[in-house]
Amino acid sequence: MSPSFTPSLLNRSGVHADPNWKPPESDFGKDYSKPPYSMICHLFVTGGVINYCGDCSHEYSGKQGVPMREYTD
């Protein structure tokens, strides 16, 4: 059976989740509003196929029809 779910999944991290978030002290001065410090991943899954929304902050932003892979232990 291929997984599906609704509504969409929206995951935010870093400053996108908490405007007061700060990176580790060793990384001060870097742009922490962008990956890897802060990310947005917004997607939905239909029939085992991932559809990434256009507001993602990663390279899959807007990609439609990405098949899920089966993982084994």
Protein backbone atom coordinates (compact mmCIF):
# COMPACT_ATOMS: atom_id res chain seq x y z
CA MET A 1 0.00 0.00 0.00
CA SER A 2 1.32 3.47 -0.89
CA PRO A 3 0.99 6.14 1.81
CA SER A 4 -1.14 9.25 1.43
CA PHE A 5 -2.09 11.95 3.88
CA THR A 6 -3.90 15.25 4.04
CA PRO A 7 -3.64 18.07 4.83
CA SER A 8 -0.07 19.00 3.91
CA LEU A 9 2.93 18.70 6.23
CA LEU A 10 4.68 21.99 7.07
CA ASN A 11 7.97 21.74 8.95
CA ARG A 12 9.84 24.89 10.00
CA SER A 13 13.17 25.12 11.79
CA GLY A 14 15.52 27.81 13.06
CA VAL A 15 14.31 31.41 12.68
CA HIS A 16 11.33 30.21 10.62
CA ALA A 17 10.03 28.43 13.72
CA ASP A 18 11.30 30.84 16.39
CA PRO A 19 12.29 34.42 15.48
CA ASN A 20 14.51 34.56 18.59
CA TRP A 21 16.51 31.46 17.63
CA LYS A 22 20.27 31.95 17.37
CA PRO A 23 22.88 29.62 15.84
CA PRO A 24 25.62 28.04 17.95
CA GLU A 25 28.11 30.61 19.20
CA SER A 26 30.79 29.22 16.85
CA ASP A 27 28.59 30.12 13.84
CA PHE A 28 27.72 33.74 14.71
CA GLY A 29 28.06 36.04 11.74
CA LYS A 30 26.70 33.52 9.24
CA ASP A 31 23.32 33.93 7.53
CA TYR A 32 21.19 31.80 9.84
CA SER A 33 17.97 32.54 7.97
CA LYS A 34 19.00 30.01 5.29
CA PRO A 35 19.88 26.28 5.30
CA PRO A 36 21.43 24.54 7.13
CA TYR A 37 20.46 26.80 10.06
CA SER A 38 16.82 27.45 9.15
CA MET A 39 14.55 25.62 6.75
CA ILE A 40 10.98 25.33 5.57
CA CYS A 41 9.77 22.03 4.13
CA HIS A 42 6.14 21.95 3.01
CA LEU A 43 4.82 18.85 1.24
CA PHE A 44 1.97 16.48 0.71
CA VAL A 45 1.98 12.79 -0.14
CA THR A 46 -0.49 11.05 -2.45
CA GLY A 47 -0.17 7.39 -3.39
CA GLY A 48 3.45 7.17 -2.26
CA VAL A 49 4.47 10.24 -4.27
CA ILE A 50 5.87 13.35 -2.58
CA ASN A 51 4.86 16.76 -3.91
CA TYR A 52 6.95 19.62 -2.52
CA CYS A 53 5.29 23.02 -2.30
CA GLY A 54 6.93 26.14 -3.72
CA ASP A 55 7.57 27.69 -0.30
CA CYS A 56 10.24 25.10 0.61
CA SER A 57 13.68 26.56 1.26
CA HIS A 58 15.59 23.58 -0.14
CA GLU A 59 16.46 22.24 -3.59
CA TYR A 60 13.23 20.23 -3.89
CA SER A 61 11.06 23.37 -3.75
CA GLY A 62 8.23 23.05 -6.24
CA LYS A 63 9.21 19.52 -7.34
CA GLN A 64 6.18 17.39 -8.01
CA GLY A 65 5.98 13.62 -8.31
CA VAL A 66 9.01 12.52 -6.31
CA PRO A 67 8.46 8.81 -5.56
CA MET A 68 9.01 7.64 -2.00
CA ARG A 69 11.69 5.00 -1.48
CA GLU A 70 11.31 1.89 0.61
CA TYR A 71 13.70 1.69 3.54
CA THR A 72 14.77 -1.48 5.26
CA ASP A 73 16.30 -1.87 8.71
